[in-house]
Amino acid sequence: MRRKLIWYSILGGAFITLLAIGLRHAGINRPVPYLTYAGVYLMDSFFQKFLEWIPWQYADNLISEVALFLVLNILGYAVVIFLLLRIFFPDRSSELPPLTGKK
């Protein structure tokens, strides 16, 4: 069940990101900033700091920066979607380990 939720979360994050790119391409710019930036703090400061941690041969060109931005955006939304899905679809596994270590 958890593996399904992870895949649904990643696909949902990719869908939101691609929706924002499609809206921007179509000329609808009003909702796009809310869809393409998972968080102001994340995309403003962490993204720039994250680019400094990567060796220059990987983060020195525009293509790798855009790819990294898309990956971070998709993962940001995937985390939020996963947490929401865990609330509505909790893991009801009957094979939970005992709390005391005894069977």
PDB file of N, CA and C in Angstrom:
ATOM      1  N   MET A   1       0.810  -1.195   0.000  1.00  0.00           N
ATOM      2  CA  MET A   1       0.000   0.000   0.000  1.00  0.00           C
ATOM      3  C   MET A   1       0.858   1.267   0.000  1.00  0.00           C
ATOM      4  N   ARG A   2       1.930   1.212   0.802  1.00  0.00           N
ATOM      5  CA  ARG A   2       2.791   2.389   0.894  1.00  0.00           C
ATOM      6  C   ARG A   2       3.487   2.675  -0.436  1.00  0.00           C
ATOM      7  N   ARG A   3       3.873   1.627  -1.140  1.00  0.00           N
ATOM      8  CA  ARG A   3       4.532   1.807  -2.434  1.00  0.00           C
ATOM      9  C   ARG A   3       3.589   2.474  -3.440  1.00  0.00           C
ATOM     10  N   LYS A   4       2.312   2.082  -3.408  1.00  0.00           N
ATOM     11  CA  LYS A   4       1.315   2.721  -4.279  1.00  0.00           C
ATOM     12  C   LYS A   4       1.168   4.199  -3.951  1.00  0.00           C
ATOM     13  N   LEU A   5       1.124   4.516  -2.661  1.00  0.00           N
ATOM     14  CA  LEU A   5       0.976   5.913  -2.255  1.00  0.00           C
ATOM     15  C   LEU A   5       2.179   6.747  -2.679  1.00  0.00           C
ATOM     16  N   ILE A   6       3.363   6.156  -2.607  1.00  0.00           N
ATOM     17  CA  ILE A   6       4.563   6.882  -3.040  1.00  0.00           C
ATOM     18  C   ILE A   6       4.483   7.169  -4.542  1.00  0.00           C
ATOM     19  N   TRP A   7       4.068   6.178  -5.322  1.00  0.00           N
ATOM     20  CA  TRP A   7       3.962   6.398  -6.769  1.00  0.00           C
ATOM     21  C   TRP A   7       2.864   7.403  -7.097  1.00  0.00           C
ATOM     22  N   TYR A   8       1.730   7.312  -6.410  1.00  0.00           N
ATOM     23  CA  TYR A   8       0.669   8.304  -6.637  1.00  0.00           C
ATOM     24  C   TYR A   8       1.153   9.709  -6.281  1.00  0.00           C
ATOM     25  N   SER A   9       1.941   9.820  -5.226  1.00  0.00           N
ATOM     26  CA  SER A   9       2.459  11.115  -4.814  1.00  0.00           C
ATOM     27  C   SER A   9       3.414  11.695  -5.856  1.00  0.00           C
ATOM     28  N   ILE A  10       4.319  10.866  -6.340  1.00  0.00           N
ATOM     29  CA  ILE A  10       5.277  11.340  -7.347  1.00  0.00           C
ATOM     30  C   ILE A  10       4.559  11.724  -8.633  1.00  0.00           C
ATOM     31  N   LEU A  11       3.603  10.889  -9.052  1.00  0.00           N
ATOM     32  CA  LEU A  11       2.851  11.216 -10.269  1.00  0.00           C
ATOM     33  C   LEU A  11       1.992  12.466 -10.077  1.00  0.00           C
ATOM     34  N   GLY A  12       1.441  12.644  -8.881  1.00  0.00           N
ATOM     35  CA  GLY A  12       0.675  13.858  -8.601  1.00  0.00           C
ATOM     36  C   GLY A  12       1.554  15.097  -8.621  1.00  0.00           C
ATOM     37  N   GLY A  13       2.761  15.007  -8.052  1.00  0.00           N
ATOM     38  CA  GLY A  13       3.685  16.137  -8.097  1.00  0.00           C
ATOM     39  C   GLY A  13       4.119  16.460  -9.514  1.00  0.00           C
ATOM     40  N   ALA A  14       4.346  15.421 -10.316  1.00  0.00           N
ATOM     41  CA  ALA A  14       4.703  15.644 -11.720  1.00  0.00           C
ATOM     42  C   ALA A  14       3.528  16.265 -12.476  1.00  0.00           C
ATOM     43  N   PHE A  15       2.313  15.817 -12.182  1.00  0.00           N
ATOM     44  CA  PHE A  15       1.138  16.386 -12.849  1.00  0.00           C
ATOM     45  C   PHE A  15       0.962  17.861 -12.515  1.00  0.00           C
ATOM     46  N   ILE A  16       1.123  18.222 -11.248  1.00  0.00           N
ATOM     47  CA  ILE A  16       0.985  19.632 -10.865  1.00  0.00           C
ATOM     48  C   ILE A  16       2.052  20.474 -11.542  1.00  0.00           C
ATOM     49  N   THR A  17       3.276  19.988 -11.585  1.00  0.00           N
ATOM     50  CA  THR A  17       4.355  20.726 -12.230  1.00  0.00           C
ATOM     51  C   THR A  17       4.115  20.870 -13.730  1.00  0.00           C
ATOM     52  N   LEU A  18       3.714  19.786 -14.387  1.00  0.00           N
ATOM     53  CA  LEU A  18       3.437  19.865 -15.829  1.00  0.00           C
ATOM     54  C   LEU A  18       2.213  20.729 -16.119  1.00  0.00           C
ATOM     55  N   LEU A  19       1.234  20.714 -15.234  1.00  0.00           N
ATOM     56  CA  LEU A  19       0.075  21.594 -15.385  1.00  0.00           C
ATOM     57  C   LEU A  19       0.491  23.061 -15.336  1.00  0.00           C
ATOM     58  N   ALA A  20       1.377  23.381 -14.415  1.00  0.00           N
ATOM     59  CA  ALA A  20       1.857  24.756 -14.318  1.00  0.00           C
ATOM     60  C   ALA A  20       2.633  25.164 -15.566  1.00  0.00           C
ATOM     61  N   ILE A  21       3.460  24.262 -16.078  1.00  0.00           N
ATOM     62  CA  ILE A  21       4.214  24.570 -17.297  1.00  0.00           C
ATOM     63  C   ILE A  21       3.263  24.745 -18.475  1.00  0.00           C
ATOM     64  N   GLY A  22       2.249  23.885 -18.561  1.00  0.00           N
ATOM     65  CA  GLY A  22       1.258  24.007 -19.634  1.00  0.00           C
ATOM     66  C   GLY A  22       0.452  25.290 -19.541  1.00  0.00           C
ATOM     67  N   LEU A  23       0.066  25.674 -18.326  1.00  0.00           N
ATOM     68  CA  LEU A  23      -0.679  26.933 -18.151  1.00  0.00           C
ATOM     69  C   LEU A  23       0.173  28.132 -18.534  1.00  0.00           C
ATOM     70  N   ARG A  24       1.433  28.104 -18.133  1.00  0.00           N
ATOM     71  CA  ARG A  24       2.314  29.222 -18.485  1.00  0.00           C
ATOM     72  C   ARG A  24       2.507  29.300 -19.992  1.00  0.00           C
ATOM     73  N   HIS A  25       2.637  28.148 -20.635  1.00  0.00           N
ATOM     74  CA  HIS A  25       2.800  28.122 -22.084  1.00  0.00           C
ATOM     75  C   HIS A  25       1.542  28.614 -22.797  1.00  0.00           C
ATOM     76  N   ALA A  26       0.370  28.352 -22.211  1.00  0.00           N
ATOM     77  CA  ALA A  26      -0.891  28.793 -22.805  1.00  0.00           C
ATOM     78  C   ALA A  26      -1.170  30.268 -22.547  1.00  0.00           C
ATOM     79  N   GLY A  27      -0.385  30.902 -21.704  1.00  0.00           N
ATOM     80  CA  GLY A  27      -0.561  32.327 -21.442  1.00  0.00           C
ATOM     81  C   GLY A  27      -1.388  32.624 -20.207  1.00  0.00           C
ATOM     82  N   ILE A  28      -1.733  31.615 -19.432  1.00  0.00           N
ATOM     83  CA  ILE A  28      -2.484  31.817 -18.194  1.00  0.00           C
ATOM     84  C   ILE A  28      -1.459  31.925 -17.074  1.00  0.00           C
ATOM     85  N   ASN A  29      -1.159  33.126 -16.645  1.00  0.00           N
ATOM     86  CA  ASN A  29      -0.068  33.333 -15.698  1.00  0.00           C
ATOM     87  C   ASN A  29      -0.523  33.541 -14.261  1.00  0.00           C
ATOM     88  N   ARG A  30      -1.797  33.775 -14.021  1.00  0.00           N
ATOM     89  CA  ARG A  30      -2.234  34.107 -12.673  1.00  0.00           C
ATOM     90  C   ARG A  30      -2.026  32.969 -11.658  1.00  0.00           C
ATOM     91  N   PRO A  31      -2.482  31.725 -11.918  1.00  0.00           N
ATOM     92  CA  PRO A  31      -2.264  30.670 -10.903  1.00  0.00           C
ATOM     93  C   PRO A  31      -0.894  30.008 -10.967  1.00  0.00           C
ATOM     94  N   VAL A  32      -0.111  30.314 -11.975  1.00  0.00           N
ATOM     95  CA  VAL A  32       1.148  29.596 -12.188  1.00  0.00           C
ATOM     96  C   VAL A  32       2.157  29.785 -11.056  1.00  0.00           C
ATOM     97  N   PRO A  33       2.346  30.979 -10.484  1.00  0.00           N
ATOM     98  CA  PRO A  33       3.327  31.065  -9.390  1.00  0.00           C
ATOM     99  C   PRO A  33       2.996  30.170  -8.203  1.00  0.00           C
ATOM    100  N   TYR A  34       1.729  29.919  -7.968  1.00  0.00           N
ATOM    101  CA  TYR A  34       1.360  29.047  -6.851  1.00  0.00           C
ATOM    102  C   TYR A  34       1.597  27.583  -7.171  1.00  0.00           C
ATOM    103  N   LEU A  35       1.657  27.235  -8.437  1.00  0.00           N
ATOM    104  CA  LEU A  35       1.866  25.847  -8.827  1.00  0.00           C
ATOM    105  C   LEU A  35       3.331  25.512  -9.072  1.00  0.00           C
ATOM    106  N   THR A  36       4.118  26.489  -9.477  1.00  0.00           N
ATOM    107  CA  THR A  36       5.504  26.171  -9.829  1.00  0.00           C
ATOM    108  C   THR A  36       6.486  26.382  -8.695  1.00  0.00           C
ATOM    109  N   TYR A  37       6.085  26.989  -7.623  1.00  0.00           N
ATOM    110  CA  TYR A  37       6.988  27.186  -6.496  1.00  0.00           C
ATOM    111  C   TYR A  37       6.363  26.530  -5.281  1.00  0.00           C
ATOM    112  N   ALA A  38       6.939  25.408  -4.859  1.00  0.00           N
ATOM    113  CA  ALA A  38       6.359  24.658  -3.743  1.00  0.00           C
ATOM    114  C   ALA A  38       6.392  25.457  -2.448  1.00  0.00           C
ATOM    115  N   GLY A  39       7.331  26.323  -2.289  1.00  0.00           N
ATOM    116  CA  GLY A  39       7.415  27.176  -1.121  1.00  0.00           C
ATOM    117  C   GLY A  39       8.389  28.294  -1.400  1.00  0.00           C
ATOM    118  N   VAL A  40       8.078  29.485  -0.943  1.00  0.00           N
ATOM    119  CA  VAL A  40       8.950  30.624  -1.210  1.00  0.00           C
ATOM    120  C   VAL A  40      10.318  30.401  -0.587  1.00  0.00           C
ATOM    121  N   TYR A  41      10.343  29.929   0.640  1.00  0.00           N
ATOM    122  CA  TYR A  41      11.626  29.716   1.300  1.00  0.00           C
ATOM    123  C   TYR A  41      12.433  28.635   0.599  1.00  0.00           C
ATOM    124  N   LEU A  42      11.764  27.531   0.232  1.00  0.00           N
ATOM    125  CA  LEU A  42      12.460  26.429  -0.420  1.00  0.00           C
ATOM    126  C   LEU A  42      13.080  26.877  -1.731  1.00  0.00           C
ATOM    127  N   MET A  43      12.307  27.539  -2.550  1.00  0.00           N
ATOM    128  CA  MET A  43      12.804  27.885  -3.872  1.00  0.00           C
ATOM    129  C   MET A  43      13.708  29.114  -3.862  1.00  0.00           C
ATOM    130  N   ASP A  44      13.577  29.977  -2.864  1.00  0.00           N
ATOM    131  CA  ASP A  44      14.441  31.152  -2.819  1.00  0.00           C
ATOM    132  C   ASP A  44      15.806  30.842  -2.235  1.00  0.00           C
ATOM    133  N   SER A  45      15.827  30.314  -1.051  1.00  0.00           N
ATOM    134  CA  SER A  45      17.120  30.162  -0.388  1.00  0.00           C
ATOM    135  C   SER A  45      17.701  28.759  -0.528  1.00  0.00           C
ATOM    136  N   PHE A  46      16.891  27.731  -0.303  1.00  0.00           N
ATOM    137  CA  PHE A  46      17.444  26.384  -0.337  1.00  0.00           C
ATOM    138  C   PHE A  46      17.912  26.003  -1.731  1.00  0.00           C
ATOM    139  N   PHE A  47      17.178  26.406  -2.748  1.00  0.00           N
ATOM    140  CA  PHE A  47      17.559  26.050  -4.107  1.00  0.00           C
ATOM    141  C   PHE A  47      18.912  26.661  -4.469  1.00  0.00           C
ATOM    142  N   GLN A  48      19.117  27.908  -4.096  1.00  0.00           N
ATOM    143  CA  GLN A  48      20.403  28.547  -4.383  1.00  0.00           C
ATOM    144  C   GLN A  48      21.534  27.912  -3.579  1.00  0.00           C
ATOM    145  N   LYS A  49      21.272  27.593  -2.316  1.00  0.00           N
ATOM    146  CA  LYS A  49      22.288  26.923  -1.494  1.00  0.00           C
ATOM    147  C   LYS A  49      22.570  25.513  -2.011  1.00  0.00           C
ATOM    148  N   PHE A  50      21.515  24.841  -2.481  1.00  0.00           N
ATOM    149  CA  PHE A  50      21.689  23.491  -3.009  1.00  0.00           C
ATOM    150  C   PHE A  50      22.559  23.506  -4.258  1.00  0.00           C
ATOM    151  N   LEU A  51      22.424  24.532  -5.079  1.00  0.00           N
ATOM    152  CA  LEU A  51      23.265  24.636  -6.268  1.00  0.00           C
ATOM    153  C   LEU A  51      24.730  24.839  -5.905  1.00  0.00           C
ATOM    154  N   GLU A  52      24.995  25.467  -4.761  1.00  0.00           N
ATOM    155  CA  GLU A  52      26.383  25.657  -4.327  1.00  0.00           C
ATOM    156  C   GLU A  52      27.004  24.344  -3.857  1.00  0.00           C
ATOM    157  N   TRP A  53      26.196  23.412  -3.355  1.00  0.00           N
ATOM    158  CA  TRP A  53      26.726  22.146  -2.863  1.00  0.00           C
ATOM    159  C   TRP A  53      27.101  21.197  -3.993  1.00  0.00           C
ATOM    160  N   ILE A  54      26.480  21.356  -5.143  1.00  0.00           N
ATOM    161  CA  ILE A  54      26.720  20.464  -6.270  1.00  0.00           C
ATOM    162  C   ILE A  54      28.023  20.868  -6.954  1.00  0.00           C
ATOM    163  N   PRO A  55      28.854  19.900  -7.336  1.00  0.00           N
ATOM    164  CA  PRO A  55      30.082  20.256  -8.064  1.00  0.00           C
ATOM    165  C   PRO A  55      29.755  21.027  -9.347  1.00  0.00           C
ATOM    166  N   TRP A  56      30.625  21.944  -9.706  1.00  0.00           N
ATOM    167  CA  TRP A  56      30.326  22.888 -10.796  1.00  0.00           C
ATOM    168  C   TRP A  56      30.080  22.226 -12.145  1.00  0.00           C
ATOM    169  N   GLN A  57      30.680  21.095 -12.399  1.00  0.00           N
ATOM    170  CA  GLN A  57      30.452  20.500 -13.720  1.00  0.00           C
ATOM    171  C   GLN A  57      29.018  20.022 -13.887  1.00  0.00           C
ATOM    172  N   TYR A  58      28.272  19.868 -12.772  1.00  0.00           N
ATOM    173  CA  TYR A  58      26.888  19.412 -12.867  1.00  0.00           C
ATOM    174  C   TYR A  58      25.873  20.541 -12.760  1.00  0.00           C
ATOM    175  N   ALA A  59      26.213  21.621 -12.071  1.00  0.00           N
ATOM    176  CA  ALA A  59      25.230  22.671 -11.823  1.00  0.00           C
ATOM    177  C   ALA A  59      25.616  23.998 -12.452  1.00  0.00           C
ATOM    178  N   ASP A  60      26.476  23.960 -13.441  1.00  0.00           N
ATOM    179  CA  ASP A  60      26.962  25.208 -14.023  1.00  0.00           C
ATOM    180  C   ASP A  60      26.171  25.642 -15.247  1.00  0.00           C
ATOM    181  N   ASN A  61      25.298  24.811 -15.768  1.00  0.00           N
ATOM    182  CA  ASN A  61      24.579  25.192 -16.974  1.00  0.00           C
ATOM    183  C   ASN A  61      23.083  25.299 -16.702  1.00  0.00           C
ATOM    184  N   LEU A  62      22.389  25.908 -17.605  1.00  0.00           N
ATOM    185  CA  LEU A  62      20.967  26.177 -17.441  1.00  0.00           C
ATOM    186  C   LEU A  62      20.135  24.900 -17.440  1.00  0.00           C
ATOM    187  N   ILE A  63      20.523  23.929 -18.232  1.00  0.00           N
ATOM    188  CA  ILE A  63      19.743  22.687 -18.329  1.00  0.00           C
ATOM    189  C   ILE A  63      19.727  21.951 -16.993  1.00  0.00           C
ATOM    190  N   SER A  64      20.880  21.837 -16.350  1.00  0.00           N
ATOM    191  CA  SER A  64      20.909  21.133 -15.064  1.00  0.00           C
ATOM    192  C   SER A  64      20.190  21.919 -13.979  1.00  0.00           C
ATOM    193  N   GLU A  65      20.243  23.252 -14.025  1.00  0.00           N
ATOM    194  CA  GLU A  65      19.504  24.053 -13.047  1.00  0.00           C
ATOM    195  C   GLU A  65      18.007  23.890 -13.228  1.00  0.00           C
ATOM    196  N   VAL A  66      17.534  23.871 -14.459  1.00  0.00           N
ATOM    197  CA  VAL A  66      16.105  23.680 -14.716  1.00  0.00           C
ATOM    198  C   VAL A  66      15.679  22.272 -14.312  1.00  0.00           C
ATOM    199  N   ALA A  67      16.502  21.279 -14.637  1.00  0.00           N
ATOM    200  CA  ALA A  67      16.168  19.906 -14.260  1.00  0.00           C
ATOM    201  C   ALA A  67      16.124  19.758 -12.740  1.00  0.00           C
ATOM    202  N   LEU A  68      17.069  20.364 -12.053  1.00  0.00           N
ATOM    203  CA  LEU A  68      17.084  20.304 -10.599  1.00  0.00           C
ATOM    204  C   LEU A  68      15.878  21.027 -10.006  1.00  0.00           C
ATOM    205  N   PHE A  69      15.510  22.150 -10.582  1.00  0.00           N
ATOM    206  CA  PHE A  69      14.327  22.875 -10.116  1.00  0.00           C
ATOM    207  C   PHE A  69      13.072  22.023 -10.300  1.00  0.00           C
ATOM    208  N   LEU A  70      12.944  21.363 -11.445  1.00  0.00           N
ATOM    209  CA  LEU A  70      11.769  20.522 -11.680  1.00  0.00           C
ATOM    210  C   LEU A  70      11.732  19.342 -10.708  1.00  0.00           C
ATOM    211  N   VAL A  71      12.875  18.724 -10.463  1.00  0.00           N
ATOM    212  CA  VAL A  71      12.920  17.599  -9.533  1.00  0.00           C
ATOM    213  C   VAL A  71      12.547  18.052  -8.127  1.00  0.00           C
ATOM    214  N   LEU A  72      13.083  19.180  -7.680  1.00  0.00           N
ATOM    215  CA  LEU A  72      12.746  19.675  -6.351  1.00  0.00           C
ATOM    216  C   LEU A  72      11.277  20.065  -6.254  1.00  0.00           C
ATOM    217  N   ASN A  73      10.734  20.635  -7.314  1.00  0.00           N
ATOM    218  CA  ASN A  73       9.326  21.012  -7.312  1.00  0.00           C
ATOM    219  C   ASN A  73       8.435  19.771  -7.244  1.00  0.00           C
ATOM    220  N   ILE A  74       8.761  18.757  -8.047  1.00  0.00           N
ATOM    221  CA  ILE A  74       7.983  17.523  -8.038  1.00  0.00           C
ATOM    222  C   ILE A  74       8.080  16.844  -6.677  1.00  0.00           C
ATOM    223  N   LEU A  75       9.271  16.776  -6.104  1.00  0.00           N
ATOM    224  CA  LEU A  75       9.431  16.135  -4.805  1.00  0.00           C
ATOM    225  C   LEU A  75       8.747  16.918  -3.691  1.00  0.00           C
ATOM    226  N   GLY A  76       8.756  18.244  -3.792  1.00  0.00           N
ATOM    227  CA  GLY A  76       8.062  19.058  -2.791  1.00  0.00           C
ATOM    228  C   GLY A  76       6.580  18.773  -2.766  1.00  0.00           C
ATOM    229  N   TYR A  77       5.977  18.725  -3.935  1.00  0.00           N
ATOM    230  CA  TYR A  77       4.558  18.398  -3.996  1.00  0.00           C
ATOM    231  C   TYR A  77       4.301  16.937  -3.660  1.00  0.00           C
ATOM    232  N   ALA A  78       5.218  16.050  -4.004  1.00  0.00           N
ATOM    233  CA  ALA A  78       5.032  14.636  -3.699  1.00  0.00           C
ATOM    234  C   ALA A  78       5.001  14.394  -2.195  1.00  0.00           C
ATOM    235  N   VAL A  79       5.822  15.114  -1.450  1.00  0.00           N
ATOM    236  CA  VAL A  79       5.813  14.967   0.007  1.00  0.00           C
ATOM    237  C   VAL A  79       4.472  15.405   0.579  1.00  0.00           C
ATOM    238  N   VAL A  80       3.975  16.531   0.117  1.00  0.00           N
ATOM    239  CA  VAL A  80       2.686  17.029   0.611  1.00  0.00           C
ATOM    240  C   VAL A  80       1.554  16.069   0.229  1.00  0.00           C
ATOM    241  N   ILE A  81       1.551  15.595  -0.996  1.00  0.00           N
ATOM    242  CA  ILE A  81       0.512  14.668  -1.441  1.00  0.00           C
ATOM    243  C   ILE A  81       0.609  13.359  -0.668  1.00  0.00           C
ATOM    244  N   PHE A  82       1.823  12.871  -0.422  1.00  0.00           N
ATOM    245  CA  PHE A  82       1.989  11.635   0.333  1.00  0.00           C
ATOM    246  C   PHE A  82       1.438  11.768   1.744  1.00  0.00           C
ATOM    247  N   LEU A  83       1.719  12.888   2.394  1.00  0.00           N
ATOM    248  CA  LEU A  83       1.197  13.076   3.745  1.00  0.00           C
ATOM    249  C   LEU A  83      -0.321  13.155   3.754  1.00  0.00           C
ATOM    250  N   LEU A  84      -0.896  13.805   2.775  1.00  0.00           N
ATOM    251  CA  LEU A  84      -2.360  13.856   2.690  1.00  0.00           C
ATOM    252  C   LEU A  84      -2.951  12.475   2.404  1.00  0.00           C
ATOM    253  N   LEU A  85      -2.316  11.714   1.531  1.00  0.00           N
ATOM    254  CA  LEU A  85      -2.810  10.372   1.246  1.00  0.00           C
ATOM    255  C   LEU A  85      -2.689   9.454   2.460  1.00  0.00           C
ATOM    256  N   ARG A  86      -1.644   9.618   3.255  1.00  0.00           N
ATOM    257  CA  ARG A  86      -1.488   8.805   4.456  1.00  0.00           C
ATOM    258  C   ARG A  86      -2.587   9.101   5.473  1.00  0.00           C
ATOM    259  N   ILE A  87      -3.109  10.320   5.463  1.00  0.00           N
ATOM    260  CA  ILE A  87      -4.217  10.637   6.358  1.00  0.00           C
ATOM    261  C   ILE A  87      -5.481   9.924   5.903  1.00  0.00           C
ATOM    262  N   PHE A  88      -5.769   9.972   4.612  1.00  0.00           N
ATOM    263  CA  PHE A  88      -7.016   9.417   4.115  1.00  0.00           C
ATOM    264  C   PHE A  88      -6.947   7.916   3.826  1.00  0.00           C
ATOM    265  N   PHE A  89      -5.755   7.387   3.594  1.00  0.00           N
ATOM    266  CA  PHE A  89      -5.573   5.955   3.349  1.00  0.00           C
ATOM    267  C   PHE A  89      -4.490   5.425   4.275  1.00  0.00           C
ATOM    268  N   PRO A  90      -4.796   5.248   5.560  1.00  0.00           N
ATOM    269  CA  PRO A  90      -3.763   4.779   6.498  1.00  0.00           C
ATOM    270  C   PRO A  90      -3.404   3.322   6.235  1.00  0.00           C
ATOM    271  N   ASP A  91      -2.227   2.939   6.687  1.00  0.00           N
ATOM    272  CA  ASP A  91      -1.746   1.579   6.515  1.00  0.00           C
ATOM    273  C   ASP A  91      -2.412   0.693   7.563  1.00  0.00           C
ATOM    274  N   ARG A  92      -3.292  -0.185   7.137  1.00  0.00           N
ATOM    275  CA  ARG A  92      -4.044  -1.049   8.050  1.00  0.00           C
ATOM    276  C   ARG A  92      -3.487  -2.473   8.012  1.00  0.00           C
ATOM    277  N   SER A  93      -2.194  -2.583   8.021  1.00  0.00           N
ATOM    278  CA  SER A  93      -1.559  -3.893   7.943  1.00  0.00           C
ATOM    279  C   SER A  93      -1.820  -4.673   9.226  1.00  0.00           C
ATOM    280  N   SER A  94      -2.178  -5.930   9.082  1.00  0.00           N
ATOM    281  CA  SER A  94      -2.424  -6.765  10.263  1.00  0.00           C
ATOM    282  C   SER A  94      -1.133  -7.407  10.757  1.00  0.00           C
ATOM    283  N   GLU A  95      -0.056  -7.244  10.058  1.00  0.00           N
ATOM    284  CA  GLU A  95       1.211  -7.856  10.437  1.00  0.00           C
ATOM    285  C   GLU A  95       2.139  -6.852  11.102  1.00  0.00           C
ATOM    286  N   LEU A  96       1.614  -6.064  12.005  1.00  0.00           N
ATOM    287  CA  LEU A  96       2.440  -5.102  12.711  1.00  0.00           C
ATOM    288  C   LEU A  96       3.270  -5.807  13.758  1.00  0.00           C
ATOM    289  N   PRO A  97       4.504  -5.392  13.980  1.00  0.00           N
ATOM    290  CA  PRO A  97       5.327  -6.040  15.007  1.00  0.00           C
ATOM    291  C   PRO A  97       4.802  -5.684  16.404  1.00  0.00           C
ATOM    292  N   PRO A  98       4.977  -6.561  17.372  1.00  0.00           N
ATOM    293  CA  PRO A  98       4.516  -6.250  18.726  1.00  0.00           C
ATOM    294  C   PRO A  98       5.337  -5.133  19.348  1.00  0.00           C
ATOM    295  N   LEU A  99       4.705  -4.372  20.216  1.00  0.00           N
ATOM    296  CA  LEU A  99       5.391  -3.241  20.847  1.00  0.00           C
ATOM    297  C   LEU A  99       6.432  -3.679  21.876  1.00  0.00           C
ATOM    298  N   THR A 100       6.210  -4.805  22.530  1.00  0.00           N
ATOM    299  CA  THR A 100       7.117  -5.251  23.593  1.00  0.00           C
ATOM    300  C   THR A 100       8.189  -6.202  23.116  1.00  0.00           C
ATOM    301  N   GLY A 101       8.136  -6.655  21.882  1.00  0.00           N
ATOM    302  CA  GLY A 101       9.130  -7.590  21.385  1.00  0.00           C
ATOM    303  C   GLY A 101       8.728  -9.036  21.565  1.00  0.00           C
ATOM    304  N   LYS A 102       7.610  -9.275  22.254  1.00  0.00           N
ATOM    305  CA  LYS A 102       7.107 -10.640  22.452  1.00  0.00           C
ATOM    306  C   LYS A 102       6.049 -10.940  21.412  1.00  0.00           C
ATOM    307  N   LYS A 103       5.906 -12.213  21.088  1.00  0.00           N
ATOM    308  CA  LYS A 103       4.882 -12.603  20.115  1.00  0.00           C
ATOM    309  C   LYS A 103       3.643 -13.072  20.824  1.00  0.00           C
TER     310      LYS A 103
END
